[in-house]
Structures are given as structure tokens and as C-alpha cells.
Amino acid sequence: MSSAVPPRLLWPPLIMQTELTVGGTDAEILWHKFRFLAPLALLTSHWRAPLGEALTRDATLTQSILAEVVACEVANGVPDTVESLAATLSALPATMRSSLQADLAAGRPSELDSIGGELIRQAERYSVRVPAVEKIVAGLSTDS
């Protein structure tokens, strides 16, 4: 006699018709991470510095990047504020660096297009102006 459990007992989700929602809409779930990943990656890479320094080196540039990210996020139907995003980034370790920064510094292939390029494409899709993001992405593109 076999002691194996029949498959129908191991995988009830395959049998049951269950609808599950976790964390909000698709856009909310995607932007939950992208909202802080994009400015973290772009600013640390631009300044070649850890997050704490990157956020404070040029307050005007930082504010512009955060405002542009939030504008794209809101255009995608996800409510947010610059203040909320700034608080999220400020809560991260000041010594944090991004993988984009490490890849660019090492001359390795990077996710610059997947982060900065995608943010620019989102802006174009919703007619949002992102001149600070475009400037940083262009600068990082020529540096790599």
C-alpha cells in the first residue's frame, strides 16, 4: 500500500476556483517598489555616492526627481506624494548603494534602461514632463 497523498489533496488551488487579491492593483504593486527604486538607483549612480549623500548633495535635483517619479506614478493611477516618497527614501540606510551604481562603476551591463528608460517611457505615455530624469539618464548613458 502506497503512503503517497493523492494529488487532489496536495493542490487544492488547482481544483478550487479562488480569486485572491494581494497588495492592490497591478499598477499599485509595481509602483510600490519602482517608486523608491528609480530615484535610489538614479541618484546614487549620478552622484556615485551612497543614498544619504545622494539625497542631500543637490536638494533641488532630488526634489525634481522625486516630483517627476510621483507625477508618473499618479498618472498611472497610483496616488502618492513627494513627501511620502521622500520619507520612504529617508528611512532607508544612508549607506545604501544601488546595483545600478555598482554595475555602471564596474563597466558591467546595467539596468539603466529598465529603470531610467522605463520611467521616461511611462512619462511619454502619459504626457508627463521629466527633464531631471532625462538629464540624469542621458548623463549615465554617456558615462557607461
C-alpha atoms as a PDB file:
ATOM      1  CA  MET A   1       0.000   0.000   0.000  1.00  0.00           C
ATOM      2  CA  SER A   2       1.405   3.388  -1.013  1.00  0.00           C
ATOM      3  CA  SER A   3       1.616   6.183   1.573  1.00  0.00           C
ATOM      4  CA  ALA A   4       1.593   8.884  -1.121  1.00  0.00           C
ATOM      5  CA  VAL A   5      -1.070  11.556  -0.797  1.00  0.00           C
ATOM      6  CA  PRO A   6      -3.285  11.829  -3.869  1.00  0.00           C
ATOM      7  CA  PRO A   7      -2.526  14.978  -5.952  1.00  0.00           C
ATOM      8  CA  ARG A   8      -6.015  16.385  -5.399  1.00  0.00           C
ATOM      9  CA  LEU A   9      -5.204  16.752  -1.699  1.00  0.00           C
ATOM     10  CA  LEU A  10      -1.829  18.416  -2.291  1.00  0.00           C
ATOM     11  CA  TRP A  11      -3.028  21.055  -4.725  1.00  0.00           C
ATOM     12  CA  PRO A  12      -6.484  22.318  -3.739  1.00  0.00           C
ATOM     13  CA  PRO A  13      -5.909  25.680  -5.513  1.00  0.00           C
ATOM     14  CA  LEU A  14      -5.914  23.761  -8.799  1.00  0.00           C
ATOM     15  CA  ILE A  15      -9.328  22.356  -8.007  1.00  0.00           C
ATOM     16  CA  MET A  16     -10.970  25.331  -6.303  1.00  0.00           C
ATOM     17  CA  GLN A  17     -11.884  28.482  -8.183  1.00  0.00           C
ATOM     18  CA  THR A  18     -10.364  31.079  -5.852  1.00  0.00           C
ATOM     19  CA  GLU A  19      -9.823  34.762  -6.516  1.00  0.00           C
ATOM     20  CA  LEU A  20      -7.061  36.352  -4.479  1.00  0.00           C
ATOM     21  CA  THR A  21      -6.028  39.986  -4.359  1.00  0.00           C
ATOM     22  CA  VAL A  22      -2.845  40.966  -2.571  1.00  0.00           C
ATOM     23  CA  GLY A  23      -1.495  44.468  -2.187  1.00  0.00           C
ATOM     24  CA  GLY A  24      -3.755  46.369  -4.586  1.00  0.00           C
ATOM     25  CA  THR A  25      -3.986  46.763  -8.321  1.00  0.00           C
ATOM     26  CA  ASP A  26      -1.245  45.639 -10.688  1.00  0.00           C
ATOM     27  CA  ALA A  27      -0.120  49.272 -11.030  1.00  0.00           C
ATOM     28  CA  GLU A  28      -0.033  49.744  -7.249  1.00  0.00           C
ATOM     29  CA  ILE A  29       2.027  46.604  -6.763  1.00  0.00           C
ATOM     30  CA  LEU A  30       4.533  47.574  -9.476  1.00  0.00           C
ATOM     31  CA  TRP A  31       4.845  51.191  -8.337  1.00  0.00           C
ATOM     32  CA  HIS A  32       5.199  50.188  -4.671  1.00  0.00           C
ATOM     33  CA  LYS A  33       8.783  49.152  -5.427  1.00  0.00           C
ATOM     34  CA  PHE A  34       9.551  51.233  -8.531  1.00  0.00           C
ATOM     35  CA  ARG A  35       8.652  54.495  -6.727  1.00  0.00           C
ATOM     36  CA  PHE A  36      11.702  54.243  -4.485  1.00  0.00           C
ATOM     37  CA  LEU A  37      13.920  52.054  -6.667  1.00  0.00           C
ATOM     38  CA  ALA A  38      14.055  54.583  -9.523  1.00  0.00           C
ATOM     39  CA  PRO A  39      15.199  57.624  -7.516  1.00  0.00           C
ATOM     40  CA  LEU A  40      17.509  55.450  -5.388  1.00  0.00           C
ATOM     41  CA  ALA A  41      19.218  53.999  -8.456  1.00  0.00           C
ATOM     42  CA  LEU A  42      19.356  57.211 -10.466  1.00  0.00           C
ATOM     43  CA  LEU A  43      20.582  59.494  -7.681  1.00  0.00           C
ATOM     44  CA  THR A  44      23.187  57.114  -6.213  1.00  0.00           C
ATOM     45  CA  SER A  45      24.506  56.404  -9.701  1.00  0.00           C
ATOM     46  CA  HIS A  46      24.524  60.063 -10.734  1.00  0.00           C
ATOM     47  CA  TRP A  47      26.432  61.170  -7.641  1.00  0.00           C
ATOM     48  CA  ARG A  48      28.469  57.933  -7.309  1.00  0.00           C
ATOM     49  CA  ALA A  49      27.615  58.092  -3.633  1.00  0.00           C
ATOM     50  CA  PRO A  50      25.542  56.256  -1.019  1.00  0.00           C
ATOM     51  CA  LEU A  51      21.885  57.170  -0.641  1.00  0.00           C
ATOM     52  CA  GLY A  52      22.224  59.591   2.273  1.00  0.00           C
ATOM     53  CA  GLU A  53      24.736  61.726   0.409  1.00  0.00           C
ATOM     54  CA  ALA A  54      22.922  61.351  -2.915  1.00  0.00           C
ATOM     55  CA  LEU A  55      19.677  62.663  -1.429  1.00  0.00           C
ATOM     56  CA  THR A  56      21.300  65.757   0.102  1.00  0.00           C
ATOM     57  CA  ARG A  57      24.014  66.721  -2.409  1.00  0.00           C
ATOM     58  CA  ASP A  58      21.615  68.848  -4.512  1.00  0.00           C
ATOM     59  CA  ALA A  59      18.233  69.365  -2.852  1.00  0.00           C
ATOM     60  CA  THR A  60      16.737  70.926  -5.986  1.00  0.00           C
ATOM     61  CA  LEU A  61      17.708  67.979  -8.186  1.00  0.00           C
ATOM     62  CA  THR A  62      16.478  65.476  -5.597  1.00  0.00           C
ATOM     63  CA  GLN A  63      13.156  67.307  -5.284  1.00  0.00           C
ATOM     64  CA  SER A  64      12.783  67.357  -9.077  1.00  0.00           C
ATOM     65  CA  ILE A  65      13.489  63.628  -9.409  1.00  0.00           C
ATOM     66  CA  LEU A  66      11.026  62.759  -6.657  1.00  0.00           C
ATOM     67  CA  ALA A  67       8.352  65.042  -8.126  1.00  0.00           C
ATOM     68  CA  GLU A  68       8.806  63.511 -11.581  1.00  0.00           C
ATOM     69  CA  VAL A  69       8.607  59.944 -10.235  1.00  0.00           C
ATOM     70  CA  VAL A  70       5.437  60.799  -8.275  1.00  0.00           C
ATOM     71  CA  ALA A  71       3.918  62.521 -11.335  1.00  0.00           C
ATOM     72  CA  CYS A  72       4.439  59.346 -13.383  1.00  0.00           C
ATOM     73  CA  GLU A  73       3.073  57.198 -10.582  1.00  0.00           C
ATOM     74  CA  VAL A  74      -0.050  59.354 -10.209  1.00  0.00           C
ATOM     75  CA  ALA A  75      -0.524  59.365 -13.995  1.00  0.00           C
ATOM     76  CA  ASN A  76      -0.586  55.560 -13.757  1.00  0.00           C
ATOM     77  CA  GLY A  77      -3.469  55.810 -11.294  1.00  0.00           C
ATOM     78  CA  VAL A  78      -1.448  55.258  -8.129  1.00  0.00           C
ATOM     79  CA  PRO A  79      -1.878  58.003  -5.514  1.00  0.00           C
ATOM     80  CA  ASP A  80       1.300  59.277  -3.872  1.00  0.00           C
ATOM     81  CA  THR A  81       3.014  62.463  -2.720  1.00  0.00           C
ATOM     82  CA  VAL A  82       6.560  63.746  -2.909  1.00  0.00           C
ATOM     83  CA  GLU A  83       6.579  63.953   0.893  1.00  0.00           C
ATOM     84  CA  SER A  84       5.653  60.287   1.227  1.00  0.00           C
ATOM     85  CA  LEU A  85       8.321  59.218  -1.260  1.00  0.00           C
ATOM     86  CA  ALA A  86      10.936  61.403   0.454  1.00  0.00           C
ATOM     87  CA  ALA A  87      10.043  59.824   3.801  1.00  0.00           C
ATOM     88  CA  THR A  88      10.363  56.324   2.314  1.00  0.00           C
ATOM     89  CA  LEU A  89      13.816  57.085   0.903  1.00  0.00           C
ATOM     90  CA  SER A  90      14.962  58.819   4.093  1.00  0.00           C
ATOM     91  CA  ALA A  91      14.006  55.728   6.096  1.00  0.00           C
ATOM     92  CA  LEU A  92      16.416  53.561   4.081  1.00  0.00           C
ATOM     93  CA  PRO A  93      20.000  53.172   5.339  1.00  0.00           C
ATOM     94  CA  ALA A  94      22.093  56.235   4.445  1.00  0.00           C
ATOM     95  CA  THR A  95      24.918  53.904   3.385  1.00  0.00           C
ATOM     96  CA  MET A  96      22.741  52.068   0.848  1.00  0.00           C
ATOM     97  CA  ARG A  97      24.002  51.909  -2.713  1.00  0.00           C
ATOM     98  CA  SER A  98      22.188  50.641  -5.794  1.00  0.00           C
ATOM     99  CA  SER A  99      23.058  47.737  -8.052  1.00  0.00           C
ATOM    100  CA  LEU A 100      22.799  50.164 -10.984  1.00  0.00           C
ATOM    101  CA  GLN A 101      25.545  52.238  -9.393  1.00  0.00           C
ATOM    102  CA  ALA A 102      27.740  49.162  -8.866  1.00  0.00           C
ATOM    103  CA  ASP A 103      27.193  47.896 -12.419  1.00  0.00           C
ATOM    104  CA  LEU A 104      27.960  51.264 -14.005  1.00  0.00           C
ATOM    105  CA  ALA A 105      31.088  51.708 -11.869  1.00  0.00           C
ATOM    106  CA  ALA A 106      32.329  48.249 -12.858  1.00  0.00           C
ATOM    107  CA  GLY A 107      31.528  48.732 -16.544  1.00  0.00           C
ATOM    108  CA  ARG A 108      29.062  45.839 -16.487  1.00  0.00           C
ATOM    109  CA  PRO A 109      25.738  45.727 -18.346  1.00  0.00           C
ATOM    110  CA  SER A 110      23.206  47.595 -16.245  1.00  0.00           C
ATOM    111  CA  GLU A 111      19.508  48.066 -15.763  1.00  0.00           C
ATOM    112  CA  LEU A 112      19.682  51.779 -16.662  1.00  0.00           C
ATOM    113  CA  ASP A 113      17.139  51.333 -19.458  1.00  0.00           C
ATOM    114  CA  SER A 114      14.903  49.153 -17.281  1.00  0.00           C
ATOM    115  CA  ILE A 115      14.819  51.838 -14.592  1.00  0.00           C
ATOM    116  CA  GLY A 116      15.504  55.256 -16.084  1.00  0.00           C
ATOM    117  CA  GLY A 117      14.404  54.361 -19.598  1.00  0.00           C
ATOM    118  CA  GLU A 118      11.166  52.850 -18.337  1.00  0.00           C
ATOM    119  CA  LEU A 119      10.443  55.919 -16.248  1.00  0.00           C
ATOM    120  CA  ILE A 120      10.915  58.081 -19.348  1.00  0.00           C
ATOM    121  CA  ARG A 121       8.633  55.783 -21.369  1.00  0.00           C
ATOM    122  CA  GLN A 122       5.961  55.993 -18.663  1.00  0.00           C
ATOM    123  CA  ALA A 123       6.263  59.774 -18.751  1.00  0.00           C
ATOM    124  CA  GLU A 124       5.872  59.834 -22.530  1.00  0.00           C
ATOM    125  CA  ARG A 125       2.857  57.515 -22.359  1.00  0.00           C
ATOM    126  CA  TYR A 126       1.047  59.907 -20.006  1.00  0.00           C
ATOM    127  CA  SER A 127       2.475  63.217 -21.297  1.00  0.00           C
ATOM    128  CA  VAL A 128       4.384  63.899 -18.088  1.00  0.00           C
ATOM    129  CA  ARG A 129       7.491  66.059 -18.316  1.00  0.00           C
ATOM    130  CA  VAL A 130      10.587  64.505 -16.677  1.00  0.00           C
ATOM    131  CA  PRO A 131      13.541  66.753 -17.584  1.00  0.00           C
ATOM    132  CA  ALA A 132      15.590  65.904 -14.470  1.00  0.00           C
ATOM    133  CA  VAL A 133      15.203  62.165 -15.068  1.00  0.00           C
ATOM    134  CA  GLU A 134      16.079  62.609 -18.752  1.00  0.00           C
ATOM    135  CA  LYS A 135      19.194  64.609 -17.843  1.00  0.00           C
ATOM    136  CA  ILE A 136      20.434  62.004 -15.364  1.00  0.00           C
ATOM    137  CA  VAL A 137      19.700  59.073 -17.701  1.00  0.00           C
ATOM    138  CA  ALA A 138      21.475  60.832 -20.588  1.00  0.00           C
ATOM    139  CA  GLY A 139      24.485  61.561 -18.379  1.00  0.00           C
ATOM    140  CA  LEU A 140      24.682  57.992 -17.101  1.00  0.00           C
ATOM    141  CA  SER A 141      24.289  56.664 -20.652  1.00  0.00           C
ATOM    142  CA  THR A 142      27.295  58.617 -21.880  1.00  0.00           C
ATOM    143  CA  ASP A 143      29.333  57.665 -18.811  1.00  0.00           C
ATOM    144  CA  SER A 144      28.803  53.939 -19.328  1.00  0.00           C
END
